[in-house]
PDB file of N, CA and C in Angstrom:
ATOM      1  N   MET A   1     -18.586   8.618  -0.615  1.00  0.00           N
ATOM      2  CA  MET A   1     -17.368   8.772  -0.409  1.00  0.00           C
ATOM      3  C   MET A   1     -16.698   7.280  -0.222  1.00  0.00           C
ATOM      4  N   GLU A   2     -17.756   6.293   0.241  1.00  0.00           N
ATOM      5  CA  GLU A   2     -17.325   4.855   0.470  1.00  0.00           C
ATOM      6  C   GLU A   2     -16.989   4.251  -0.925  1.00  0.00           C
ATOM      7  N   VAL A   3     -18.126   4.401  -1.937  1.00  0.00           N
ATOM      8  CA  VAL A   3     -17.919   4.030  -3.132  1.00  0.00           C
ATOM      9  C   VAL A   3     -16.831   4.167  -3.770  1.00  0.00           C
ATOM     10  N   VAL A   4     -16.236   5.399  -3.855  1.00  0.00           N
ATOM     11  CA  VAL A   4     -15.250   6.162  -4.320  1.00  0.00           C
ATOM     12  C   VAL A   4     -14.053   5.414  -4.048  1.00  0.00           C
ATOM     13  N   LEU A   5     -13.722   5.351  -2.526  1.00  0.00           N
ATOM     14  CA  LEU A   5     -12.896   4.470  -1.773  1.00  0.00           C
ATOM     15  C   LEU A   5     -12.613   2.992  -2.397  1.00  0.00           C
ATOM     16  N   ALA A   6     -13.531   2.451  -2.237  1.00  0.00           N
ATOM     17  CA  ALA A   6     -13.926   0.930  -2.619  1.00  0.00           C
ATOM     18  C   ALA A   6     -13.489   0.686  -4.213  1.00  0.00           C
ATOM     19  N   ILE A   7     -13.851   1.686  -4.998  1.00  0.00           N
ATOM     20  CA  ILE A   7     -13.461   1.526  -6.419  1.00  0.00           C
ATOM     21  C   ILE A   7     -11.876   2.041  -6.687  1.00  0.00           C
ATOM     22  N   ALA A   8     -11.561   2.887  -5.769  1.00  0.00           N
ATOM     23  CA  ALA A   8      -9.995   3.052  -5.941  1.00  0.00           C
ATOM     24  C   ALA A   8      -9.235   1.887  -5.529  1.00  0.00           C
ATOM     25  N   ILE A   9      -9.631   1.190  -4.248  1.00  0.00           N
ATOM     26  CA  ILE A   9      -9.018   0.239  -3.735  1.00  0.00           C
ATOM     27  C   ILE A   9      -8.870  -1.075  -4.801  1.00  0.00           C
ATOM     28  N   GLY A  10      -9.924  -1.315  -5.513  1.00  0.00           N
ATOM     29  CA  GLY A  10     -10.257  -2.213  -6.402  1.00  0.00           C
ATOM     30  C   GLY A  10      -9.028  -1.922  -7.340  1.00  0.00           C
ATOM     31  N   ILE A  11      -9.558  -0.732  -8.078  1.00  0.00           N
ATOM     32  CA  ILE A  11      -8.517  -0.565  -9.415  1.00  0.00           C
ATOM     33  C   ILE A  11      -7.035  -0.791  -8.918  1.00  0.00           C
ATOM     34  N   LEU A  12      -6.776  -0.336  -7.850  1.00  0.00           N
ATOM     35  CA  LEU A  12      -5.259  -0.767  -7.384  1.00  0.00           C
ATOM     36  C   LEU A  12      -4.897  -1.819  -7.135  1.00  0.00           C
ATOM     37  N   THR A  13      -5.852  -2.769  -6.827  1.00  0.00           N
ATOM     38  CA  THR A  13      -5.630  -4.167  -6.564  1.00  0.00           C
ATOM     39  C   THR A  13      -5.356  -4.948  -7.839  1.00  0.00           C
ATOM     40  N   GLY A  14      -6.374  -4.738  -8.995  1.00  0.00           N
ATOM     41  CA  GLY A  14      -6.437  -5.275  -9.702  1.00  0.00           C
ATOM     42  C   GLY A  14      -5.195  -4.822 -11.002  1.00  0.00           C
ATOM     43  N   SER A  15      -4.733  -3.467 -10.574  1.00  0.00           N
ATOM     44  CA  SER A  15      -3.437  -3.156 -11.652  1.00  0.00           C
ATOM     45  C   SER A  15      -2.385  -3.650 -10.950  1.00  0.00           C
ATOM     46  N   GLY A  16      -2.371  -3.984  -9.649  1.00  0.00           N
ATOM     47  CA  GLY A  16      -1.097  -4.306  -9.045  1.00  0.00           C
ATOM     48  C   GLY A  16      -1.001  -5.849  -9.216  1.00  0.00           C
ATOM     49  N   VAL A  17      -2.191  -6.798  -8.962  1.00  0.00           N
ATOM     50  CA  VAL A  17      -1.974  -8.037  -9.806  1.00  0.00           C
ATOM     51  C   VAL A  17      -1.373  -8.374 -10.885  1.00  0.00           C
ATOM     52  N   TRP A  18      -2.127  -7.604 -11.954  1.00  0.00           N
ATOM     53  CA  TRP A  18      -1.809  -7.740 -13.441  1.00  0.00           C
ATOM     54  C   TRP A  18      -0.528  -7.656 -13.566  1.00  0.00           C
ATOM     55  N   LEU A  19       0.058  -6.259 -13.013  1.00  0.00           N
ATOM     56  CA  LEU A  19       1.489  -5.885 -13.038  1.00  0.00           C
ATOM     57  C   LEU A  19       2.536  -7.231 -12.485  1.00  0.00           C
ATOM     58  N   VAL A  20       2.119  -7.441 -11.544  1.00  0.00           N
ATOM     59  CA  VAL A  20       2.797  -8.863 -10.839  1.00  0.00           C
ATOM     60  C   VAL A  20       2.908 -10.043 -11.453  1.00  0.00           C
ATOM     61  N   LEU A  21       1.892 -10.254 -12.294  1.00  0.00           N
ATOM     62  CA  LEU A  21       1.824 -11.716 -13.121  1.00  0.00           C
ATOM     63  C   LEU A  21       2.819 -11.147 -14.415  1.00  0.00           C
ATOM     64  N   ARG A  22       3.276  -9.967 -14.745  1.00  0.00           N
ATOM     65  CA  ARG A  22       4.129  -9.705 -15.912  1.00  0.00           C
ATOM     66  C   ARG A  22       5.366 -10.236 -15.781  1.00  0.00           C
ATOM     67  N   SER A  23       6.344 -10.521 -16.848  1.00  0.00           N
ATOM     68  CA  SER A  23       7.232 -11.553 -16.802  1.00  0.00           C
ATOM     69  C   SER A  23       8.758 -10.474 -16.416  1.00  0.00           C
ATOM     70  N   ARG A  24       8.534  -9.050 -16.657  1.00  0.00           N
ATOM     71  CA  ARG A  24       9.529  -8.330 -16.216  1.00  0.00           C
ATOM     72  C   ARG A  24       9.690  -7.680 -14.691  1.00  0.00           C
ATOM     73  N   THR A  25      10.975  -7.632 -14.210  1.00  0.00           N
ATOM     74  CA  THR A  25      11.096  -6.916 -13.113  1.00  0.00           C
ATOM     75  C   THR A  25      10.728  -5.794 -12.572  1.00  0.00           C
ATOM     76  N   PHE A  26      10.772  -4.725 -13.356  1.00  0.00           N
ATOM     77  CA  PHE A  26      10.263  -3.441 -13.077  1.00  0.00           C
ATOM     78  C   PHE A  26       8.814  -3.439 -12.982  1.00  0.00           C
ATOM     79  N   GLN A  27       7.872  -4.300 -13.651  1.00  0.00           N
ATOM     80  CA  GLN A  27       6.726  -4.307 -13.618  1.00  0.00           C
ATOM     81  C   GLN A  27       6.605  -5.085 -12.112  1.00  0.00           C
ATOM     82  N   LEU A  28       6.974  -5.777 -11.853  1.00  0.00           N
ATOM     83  CA  LEU A  28       6.895  -6.674 -10.594  1.00  0.00           C
ATOM     84  C   LEU A  28       6.947  -5.637  -9.536  1.00  0.00           C
ATOM     85  N   VAL A  29       8.039  -4.729  -9.495  1.00  0.00           N
ATOM     86  CA  VAL A  29       8.139  -3.703  -8.325  1.00  0.00           C
ATOM     87  C   VAL A  29       7.085  -2.755  -8.313  1.00  0.00           C
ATOM     88  N   LEU A  30       6.604  -2.356  -9.605  1.00  0.00           N
ATOM     89  CA  LEU A  30       5.383  -1.315  -9.647  1.00  0.00           C
ATOM     90  C   LEU A  30       4.066  -2.152  -8.874  1.00  0.00           C
ATOM     91  N   GLY A  31       3.722  -3.407  -9.620  1.00  0.00           N
ATOM     92  CA  GLY A  31       2.689  -3.963  -8.992  1.00  0.00           C
ATOM     93  C   GLY A  31       2.653  -4.527  -7.497  1.00  0.00           C
ATOM     94  N   LEU A  32       3.754  -4.741  -6.860  1.00  0.00           N
ATOM     95  CA  LEU A  32       3.726  -4.723  -5.469  1.00  0.00           C
ATOM     96  C   LEU A  32       3.687  -3.537  -4.725  1.00  0.00           C
ATOM     97  N   SER A  33       4.183  -2.377  -5.523  1.00  0.00           N
ATOM     98  CA  SER A  33       3.822  -0.852  -4.805  1.00  0.00           C
ATOM     99  C   SER A  33       2.465  -0.906  -4.960  1.00  0.00           C
ATOM    100  N   LEU A  34       1.701  -0.989  -5.945  1.00  0.00           N
ATOM    101  CA  LEU A  34       0.456  -0.558  -5.983  1.00  0.00           C
ATOM    102  C   LEU A  34      -0.488  -1.587  -4.918  1.00  0.00           C
ATOM    103  N   LEU A  35      -0.083  -2.845  -4.973  1.00  0.00           N
ATOM    104  CA  LEU A  35      -0.760  -3.514  -3.909  1.00  0.00           C
ATOM    105  C   LEU A  35      -0.679  -2.981  -2.586  1.00  0.00           C
ATOM    106  N   SER A  36       0.537  -2.803  -2.102  1.00  0.00           N
ATOM    107  CA  SER A  36       0.892  -2.082  -0.768  1.00  0.00           C
ATOM    108  C   SER A  36       0.067  -0.808  -0.821  1.00  0.00           C
ATOM    109  N   TYR A  37       0.029   0.190  -1.705  1.00  0.00           N
ATOM    110  CA  TYR A  37      -1.110   1.017  -1.732  1.00  0.00           C
ATOM    111  C   TYR A  37      -2.463   0.972  -1.514  1.00  0.00           C
ATOM    112  N   ALA A  38      -2.935  -0.222  -2.098  1.00  0.00           N
ATOM    113  CA  ALA A  38      -4.305  -0.561  -1.883  1.00  0.00           C
ATOM    114  C   ALA A  38      -4.450  -1.153  -0.320  1.00  0.00           C
ATOM    115  N   VAL A  39      -3.579  -2.037  -0.023  1.00  0.00           N
ATOM    116  CA  VAL A  39      -3.742  -2.720   1.544  1.00  0.00           C
ATOM    117  C   VAL A  39      -3.964  -1.615   2.499  1.00  0.00           C
ATOM    118  N   ASN A  40      -2.980  -0.216   2.328  1.00  0.00           N
ATOM    119  CA  ASN A  40      -3.016   0.753   2.920  1.00  0.00           C
ATOM    120  C   ASN A  40      -4.049   1.616   2.920  1.00  0.00           C
ATOM    121  N   LEU A  41      -4.558   1.680   1.891  1.00  0.00           N
ATOM    122  CA  LEU A  41      -6.035   2.423   1.845  1.00  0.00           C
ATOM    123  C   LEU A  41      -7.247   1.676   2.516  1.00  0.00           C
ATOM    124  N   PHE A  42      -6.982   0.157   2.509  1.00  0.00           N
ATOM    125  CA  PHE A  42      -8.163  -0.650   3.014  1.00  0.00           C
ATOM    126  C   PHE A  42      -8.152  -0.598   4.432  1.00  0.00           C
ATOM    127  N   ILE A  43      -6.504  -0.807   4.854  1.00  0.00           N
ATOM    128  CA  ILE A  43      -6.455  -0.349   6.335  1.00  0.00           C
ATOM    129  C   ILE A  43      -6.928   0.924   6.814  1.00  0.00           C
ATOM    130  N   PHE A  44      -6.728   1.906   6.562  1.00  0.00           N
ATOM    131  CA  PHE A  44      -7.021   3.244   6.455  1.00  0.00           C
ATOM    132  C   PHE A  44      -8.576   3.467   6.457  1.00  0.00           C
ATOM    133  N   SER A  45      -9.376   2.652   5.514  1.00  0.00           N
ATOM    134  CA  SER A  45     -10.788   2.887   5.667  1.00  0.00           C
ATOM    135  C   SER A  45     -11.439   2.043   6.616  1.00  0.00           C
ATOM    136  N   ILE A  46     -10.646   0.943   7.294  1.00  0.00           N
ATOM    137  CA  ILE A  46     -11.326   0.397   8.432  1.00  0.00           C
ATOM    138  C   ILE A  46     -11.323   0.985   9.660  1.00  0.00           C
ATOM    139  N   GLY A  47     -10.798   2.601   9.760  1.00  0.00           N
ATOM    140  CA  GLY A  47     -10.961   3.377  10.738  1.00  0.00           C
ATOM    141  C   GLY A  47     -12.392   4.155  10.639  1.00  0.00           C
ATOM    142  N   GLY A  48     -12.990   4.003   9.473  1.00  0.00           N
ATOM    143  CA  GLY A  48     -14.081   4.411   9.295  1.00  0.00           C
ATOM    144  C   GLY A  48     -13.666   6.055   8.587  1.00  0.00           C
ATOM    145  N   LEU A  49     -14.526   6.416   7.725  1.00  0.00           N
ATOM    146  CA  LEU A  49     -14.554   7.782   7.222  1.00  0.00           C
ATOM    147  C   LEU A  49     -15.234   8.851   7.774  1.00  0.00           C
ATOM    148  N   ALA A  50     -14.346   9.574   8.618  1.00  0.00           N
ATOM    149  CA  ALA A  50     -15.153  10.519   9.369  1.00  0.00           C
ATOM    150  C   ALA A  50     -14.805  11.982   9.001  1.00  0.00           C
ATOM    151  N   VAL A  51     -15.899  12.894   8.964  1.00  0.00           N
ATOM    152  CA  VAL A  51     -15.380  14.202   8.658  1.00  0.00           C
ATOM    153  C   VAL A  51     -15.889  15.180   9.893  1.00  0.00           C
ATOM    154  N   ASP A  52     -14.899  15.858  10.006  1.00  0.00           N
ATOM    155  CA  ASP A  52     -15.232  17.007  11.246  1.00  0.00           C
ATOM    156  C   ASP A  52     -15.107  16.084  12.653  1.00  0.00           C
ATOM    157  N   GLN A  53     -14.329  15.395  12.782  1.00  0.00           N
ATOM    158  CA  GLN A  53     -14.455  14.775  14.059  1.00  0.00           C
ATOM    159  C   GLN A  53     -12.836  14.876  14.629  1.00  0.00           C
ATOM    160  N   GLU A  54     -12.744  14.976  15.940  1.00  0.00           N
ATOM    161  CA  GLU A  54     -11.475  15.447  16.212  1.00  0.00           C
ATOM    162  C   GLU A  54     -10.588  14.281  16.158  1.00  0.00           C
ATOM    163  N   ALA A  55      -9.135  14.379  16.436  1.00  0.00           N
ATOM    164  CA  ALA A  55      -8.418  13.243  16.364  1.00  0.00           C
ATOM    165  C   ALA A  55      -7.760  12.947  17.811  1.00  0.00           C
ATOM    166  N   ILE A  56      -7.862  14.287  18.548  1.00  0.00           N
ATOM    167  CA  ILE A  56      -7.264  14.361  20.074  1.00  0.00           C
ATOM    168  C   ILE A  56      -8.400  14.512  20.804  1.00  0.00           C
ATOM    169  N   LEU A  57      -8.130  14.065  22.157  1.00  0.00           N
ATOM    170  CA  LEU A  57      -9.372  14.264  23.245  1.00  0.00           C
ATOM    171  C   LEU A  57      -9.512  15.527  23.885  1.00  0.00           C
ATOM    172  N   LEU A  58     -10.639  16.300  23.600  1.00  0.00           N
ATOM    173  CA  LEU A  58     -10.826  17.457  24.266  1.00  0.00           C
ATOM    174  C   LEU A  58     -12.176  17.300  25.745  1.00  0.00           C
ATOM    175  N   ASP A  59     -11.656  18.372  26.457  1.00  0.00           N
ATOM    176  CA  ASP A  59     -12.695  18.485  27.362  1.00  0.00           C
ATOM    177  C   ASP A  59     -13.902  18.657  27.394  1.00  0.00           C
ATOM    178  N   GLY A  60     -14.963  17.793  27.932  1.00  0.00           N
ATOM    179  CA  GLY A  60     -16.224  17.871  28.128  1.00  0.00           C
ATOM    180  C   GLY A  60     -16.836  17.122  26.964  1.00  0.00           C
ATOM    181  N   VAL A  61     -16.094  16.224  26.272  1.00  0.00           N
ATOM    182  CA  VAL A  61     -16.675  15.493  25.015  1.00  0.00           C
ATOM    183  C   VAL A  61     -16.221  14.099  25.717  1.00  0.00           C
ATOM    184  N   ALA A  62     -17.256  12.964  25.321  1.00  0.00           N
ATOM    185  CA  ALA A  62     -17.052  11.745  25.990  1.00  0.00           C
ATOM    186  C   ALA A  62     -15.853  11.112  25.238  1.00  0.00           C
ATOM    187  N   PRO A  63     -15.015  10.496  25.912  1.00  0.00           N
ATOM    188  CA  PRO A  63     -13.739   9.827  25.278  1.00  0.00           C
ATOM    189  C   PRO A  63     -14.384   8.306  24.919  1.00  0.00           C
ATOM    190  N   ASP A  64     -15.044   8.255  23.846  1.00  0.00           N
ATOM    191  CA  ASP A  64     -15.725   7.145  22.957  1.00  0.00           C
ATOM    192  C   ASP A  64     -15.456   7.202  21.266  1.00  0.00           C
ATOM    193  N   LEU A  65     -15.564   6.332  20.569  1.00  0.00           N
ATOM    194  CA  LEU A  65     -15.285   6.453  19.010  1.00  0.00           C
ATOM    195  C   LEU A  65     -16.236   6.995  18.478  1.00  0.00           C
ATOM    196  N   LEU A  66     -17.430   7.335  19.089  1.00  0.00           N
ATOM    197  CA  LEU A  66     -18.560   8.187  18.380  1.00  0.00           C
ATOM    198  C   LEU A  66     -18.322   9.705  18.217  1.00  0.00           C
ATOM    199  N   HIS A  67     -17.337  10.014  18.986  1.00  0.00           N
ATOM    200  CA  HIS A  67     -16.905  11.674  18.707  1.00  0.00           C
ATOM    201  C   HIS A  67     -15.558  11.692  18.273  1.00  0.00           C
ATOM    202  N   TYR A  68     -14.544  10.755  18.315  1.00  0.00           N
ATOM    203  CA  TYR A  68     -13.272  10.518  17.742  1.00  0.00           C
ATOM    204  C   TYR A  68     -12.995   9.853  16.804  1.00  0.00           C
ATOM    205  N   THR A  69     -12.035  10.023  16.118  1.00  0.00           N
ATOM    206  CA  THR A  69     -11.579   8.762  14.784  1.00  0.00           C
ATOM    207  C   THR A  69     -10.458   8.046  15.512  1.00  0.00           C
ATOM    208  N   ASP A  70     -10.611   6.951  15.110  1.00  0.00           N
ATOM    209  CA  ASP A  70      -9.732   5.809  15.449  1.00  0.00           C
ATOM    210  C   ASP A  70      -8.386   5.937  15.051  1.00  0.00           C
ATOM    211  N   PRO A  71      -7.329   6.161  16.097  1.00  0.00           N
ATOM    212  CA  PRO A  71      -6.133   6.363  15.514  1.00  0.00           C
ATOM    213  C   PRO A  71      -5.368   4.992  15.261  1.00  0.00           C
ATOM    214  N   VAL A  72      -5.808   4.107  15.730  1.00  0.00           N
ATOM    215  CA  VAL A  72      -4.973   2.563  15.103  1.00  0.00           C
ATOM    216  C   VAL A  72      -4.821   2.602  13.871  1.00  0.00           C
ATOM    217  N   PRO A  73      -5.758   2.590  12.986  1.00  0.00           N
ATOM    218  CA  PRO A  73      -5.495   2.248  11.565  1.00  0.00           C
ATOM    219  C   PRO A  73      -4.325   3.296  11.039  1.00  0.00           C
ATOM    220  N   GLN A  74      -4.598   4.493  11.518  1.00  0.00           N
ATOM    221  CA  GLN A  74      -3.432   5.506  11.075  1.00  0.00           C
ATOM    222  C   GLN A  74      -2.038   5.467  11.427  1.00  0.00           C
ATOM    223  N   ALA A  75      -1.978   4.633  12.443  1.00  0.00           N
ATOM    224  CA  ALA A  75      -0.693   4.353  12.820  1.00  0.00           C
ATOM    225  C   ALA A  75      -0.155   3.162  12.182  1.00  0.00           C
ATOM    226  N   LEU A  76      -1.127   2.158  12.038  1.00  0.00           N
ATOM    227  CA  LEU A  76      -0.755   0.981  11.032  1.00  0.00           C
ATOM    228  C   LEU A  76      -0.443   1.390   9.680  1.00  0.00           C
ATOM    229  N   VAL A  77      -0.825   2.388   9.062  1.00  0.00           N
ATOM    230  CA  VAL A  77      -0.927   2.695   7.736  1.00  0.00           C
ATOM    231  C   VAL A  77       0.485   3.585   7.737  1.00  0.00           C
ATOM    232  N   LEU A  78       0.926   4.385   8.599  1.00  0.00           N
ATOM    233  CA  LEU A  78       2.220   5.190   8.745  1.00  0.00           C
ATOM    234  C   LEU A  78       3.176   4.082   8.678  1.00  0.00           C
ATOM    235  N   THR A  79       3.261   2.864   9.768  1.00  0.00           N
ATOM    236  CA  THR A  79       4.086   1.709   9.804  1.00  0.00           C
ATOM    237  C   THR A  79       4.168   1.133   8.771  1.00  0.00           C
ATOM    238  N   ALA A  80       3.204   0.824   7.699  1.00  0.00           N
ATOM    239  CA  ALA A  80       3.212   0.125   6.739  1.00  0.00           C
ATOM    240  C   ALA A  80       3.843   0.901   5.533  1.00  0.00           C
ATOM    241  N   ILE A  81       3.826   2.509   5.537  1.00  0.00           N
ATOM    242  CA  ILE A  81       4.415   2.993   4.666  1.00  0.00           C
ATOM    243  C   ILE A  81       5.923   2.949   4.851  1.00  0.00           C
ATOM    244  N   VAL A  82       6.322   3.115   5.966  1.00  0.00           N
ATOM    245  CA  VAL A  82       7.761   3.162   6.073  1.00  0.00           C
ATOM    246  C   VAL A  82       8.180   1.683   5.839  1.00  0.00           C
ATOM    247  N   ILE A  83       7.736   0.596   6.122  1.00  0.00           N
ATOM    248  CA  ILE A  83       8.171  -0.786   5.893  1.00  0.00           C
ATOM    249  C   ILE A  83       8.063  -0.816   4.476  1.00  0.00           C
ATOM    250  N   GLY A  84       7.246  -0.422   3.714  1.00  0.00           N
ATOM    251  CA  GLY A  84       6.943  -0.662   2.234  1.00  0.00           C
ATOM    252  C   GLY A  84       8.148   0.022   1.497  1.00  0.00           C
ATOM    253  N   PHE A  85       8.410   1.365   2.039  1.00  0.00           N
ATOM    254  CA  PHE A  85       9.479   1.975   1.372  1.00  0.00           C
ATOM    255  C   PHE A  85      10.756   1.293   1.438  1.00  0.00           C
ATOM    256  N   ALA A  86      11.049   0.534   2.637  1.00  0.00           N
ATOM    257  CA  ALA A  86      12.380  -0.114   2.881  1.00  0.00           C
ATOM    258  C   ALA A  86      12.096  -1.388   1.934  1.00  0.00           C
ATOM    259  N   MET A  87      11.271  -2.068   2.105  1.00  0.00           N
ATOM    260  CA  MET A  87      11.091  -3.230   1.149  1.00  0.00           C
ATOM    261  C   MET A  87      11.219  -3.055  -0.418  1.00  0.00           C
ATOM    262  N   THR A  88      10.734  -1.744  -0.821  1.00  0.00           N
ATOM    263  CA  THR A  88      10.811  -1.390  -2.297  1.00  0.00           C
ATOM    264  C   THR A  88      12.324  -1.208  -2.665  1.00  0.00           C
ATOM    265  N   ALA A  89      13.054  -0.587  -1.679  1.00  0.00           N
ATOM    266  CA  ALA A  89      14.264  -0.166  -1.785  1.00  0.00           C
ATOM    267  C   ALA A  89      15.164  -1.417  -1.969  1.00  0.00           C
ATOM    268  N   LEU A  90      14.808  -2.342  -0.884  1.00  0.00           N
ATOM    269  CA  LEU A  90      15.572  -3.686  -1.055  1.00  0.00           C
ATOM    270  C   LEU A  90      15.299  -4.386  -2.332  1.00  0.00           C
ATOM    271  N   LEU A  91      14.097  -4.595  -2.497  1.00  0.00           N
ATOM    272  CA  LEU A  91      13.912  -5.113  -3.813  1.00  0.00           C
ATOM    273  C   LEU A  91      14.299  -4.566  -5.081  1.00  0.00           C
ATOM    274  N   LEU A  92      14.468  -3.430  -5.282  1.00  0.00           N
ATOM    275  CA  LEU A  92      15.326  -2.596  -6.222  1.00  0.00           C
ATOM    276  C   LEU A  92      16.754  -2.981  -6.202  1.00  0.00           C
ATOM    277  N   VAL A  93      17.164  -3.181  -5.192  1.00  0.00           N
ATOM    278  CA  VAL A  93      18.603  -3.556  -5.045  1.00  0.00           C
ATOM    279  C   VAL A  93      18.778  -4.946  -5.406  1.00  0.00           C
ATOM    280  N   ILE A  94      18.066  -5.779  -5.110  1.00  0.00           N
ATOM    281  CA  ILE A  94      18.056  -7.648  -5.740  1.00  0.00           C
ATOM    282  C   ILE A  94      17.624  -7.432  -6.958  1.00  0.00           C
ATOM    283  N   VAL A  95      16.908  -6.722  -7.615  1.00  0.00           N
ATOM    284  CA  VAL A  95      16.344  -6.662  -9.325  1.00  0.00           C
ATOM    285  C   VAL A  95      17.847  -6.181  -9.857  1.00  0.00           C
ATOM    286  N   LEU A  96      18.395  -5.014  -9.252  1.00  0.00           N
ATOM    287  CA  LEU A  96      19.619  -4.598 -10.148  1.00  0.00           C
ATOM    288  C   LEU A  96      20.576  -5.571 -10.071  1.00  0.00           C
ATOM    289  N   ALA A  97      20.720  -6.333  -8.854  1.00  0.00           N
ATOM    290  CA  ALA A  97      22.048  -7.425  -8.884  1.00  0.00           C
ATOM    291  C   ALA A  97      21.757  -8.291  -9.628  1.00  0.00           C
ATOM    292  N   SER A  98      20.445  -8.814  -9.929  1.00  0.00           N
ATOM    293  CA  SER A  98      19.904  -9.818 -10.578  1.00  0.00           C
ATOM    294  C   SER A  98      20.229  -9.588 -12.290  1.00  0.00           C
ATOM    295  N   ARG A  99      19.812  -8.375 -12.462  1.00  0.00           N
ATOM    296  CA  ARG A  99      20.119  -7.813 -13.885  1.00  0.00           C
ATOM    297  C   ARG A  99      21.397  -8.170 -14.253  1.00  0.00           C
ATOM    298  N   GLY A 100      22.368  -7.589 -13.289  1.00  0.00           N
ATOM    299  CA  GLY A 100      23.674  -7.618 -13.676  1.00  0.00           C
ATOM    300  C   GLY A 100      24.452  -9.025 -13.752  1.00  0.00           C
ATOM    301  N   MET A 101      23.935  -9.746 -12.880  1.00  0.00           N
ATOM    302  CA  MET A 101      24.304 -11.308 -13.296  1.00  0.00           C
ATOM    303  C   MET A 101      23.851 -11.932 -14.323  1.00  0.00           C
ATOM    304  N   THR A 102      22.420 -11.735 -14.967  1.00  0.00           N
ATOM    305  CA  THR A 102      21.956 -12.556 -15.717  1.00  0.00           C
ATOM    306  C   THR A 102      21.918 -11.631 -16.853  1.00  0.00           C
ATOM    307  N   GLY A 103      22.138 -10.619 -17.122  1.00  0.00           N
ATOM    308  CA  GLY A 103      21.845  -9.749 -18.154  1.00  0.00           C
ATOM    309  C   GLY A 103      20.569  -9.424 -18.865  1.00  0.00           C
ATOM    310  N   THR A 104      19.520  -9.654 -18.434  1.00  0.00           N
ATOM    311  CA  THR A 104      18.119  -9.727 -18.338  1.00  0.00           C
ATOM    312  C   THR A 104      17.369  -9.276 -17.599  1.00  0.00           C
ATOM    313  N   ASP A 105      16.270  -8.595 -17.783  1.00  0.00           N
ATOM    314  CA  ASP A 105      15.221  -8.273 -16.724  1.00  0.00           C
ATOM    315  C   ASP A 105      13.944  -9.111 -16.663  1.00  0.00           C
ATOM    316  N   HIS A 106      14.190 -10.219 -16.848  1.00  0.00           N
ATOM    317  CA  HIS A 106      12.877 -11.156 -16.615  1.00  0.00           C
ATOM    318  C   HIS A 106      13.083 -11.853 -15.440  1.00  0.00           C
ATOM    319  N   VAL A 107      11.790 -12.096 -14.965  1.00  0.00           N
ATOM    320  CA  VAL A 107      11.884 -12.447 -13.785  1.00  0.00           C
ATOM    321  C   VAL A 107      12.431 -14.071 -13.490  1.00  0.00           C
ATOM    322  N   ASP A 108      12.317 -14.792 -14.610  1.00  0.00           N
ATOM    323  CA  ASP A 108      12.920 -15.998 -14.479  1.00  0.00           C
ATOM    324  C   ASP A 108      14.388 -15.978 -14.776  1.00  0.00           C
ATOM    325  N   GLY A 109      15.069 -15.019 -15.300  1.00  0.00           N
ATOM    326  CA  GLY A 109      16.347 -14.728 -15.841  1.00  0.00           C
ATOM    327  C   GLY A 109      16.822 -14.967 -17.189  1.00  0.00           C
ATOM    328  N   THR A 110      15.525 -15.487 -18.062  1.00  0.00           N
ATOM    329  CA  THR A 110      15.498 -15.927 -19.543  1.00  0.00           C
ATOM    330  C   THR A 110      14.808 -15.482 -20.390  1.00  0.00           C
ATOM    331  N   GLU A 111      15.210 -14.870 -21.325  1.00  0.00           N
ATOM    332  CA  GLU A 111      14.342 -14.312 -22.479  1.00  0.00           C
ATOM    333  C   GLU A 111      13.415 -15.097 -23.119  1.00  0.00           C
ATOM    334  N   PRO A 112      12.109 -14.947 -23.342  1.00  0.00           N
ATOM    335  CA  PRO A 112      10.912 -15.770 -23.606  1.00  0.00           C
ATOM    336  C   PRO A 112      11.456 -16.012 -25.210  1.00  0.00           C
TER     337      PRO A 112
END
């Protein structure tokens, strides 16, 4: 499972970097979204991939990370998803305003 997650993070990161380096603004937005998904998966994987472990405290089970999943990476990813959504919406507004002012969708505002 760890290998599949590492490959998925690598593919998302590589695709995101490739799209960010393109000259069109829509590809830039998609690339930044893919990079944020890769970072979210990476942060989520920091907590460890655990199967059949409880997320809440139970009576009679020792309160340590051997018996429970770590909730901190899950909270960080949830926060990052909300912030990423807001930043994507803001970036789309800026891209649309730039297209309206320059008449092109290239990042530098000029046609090649």
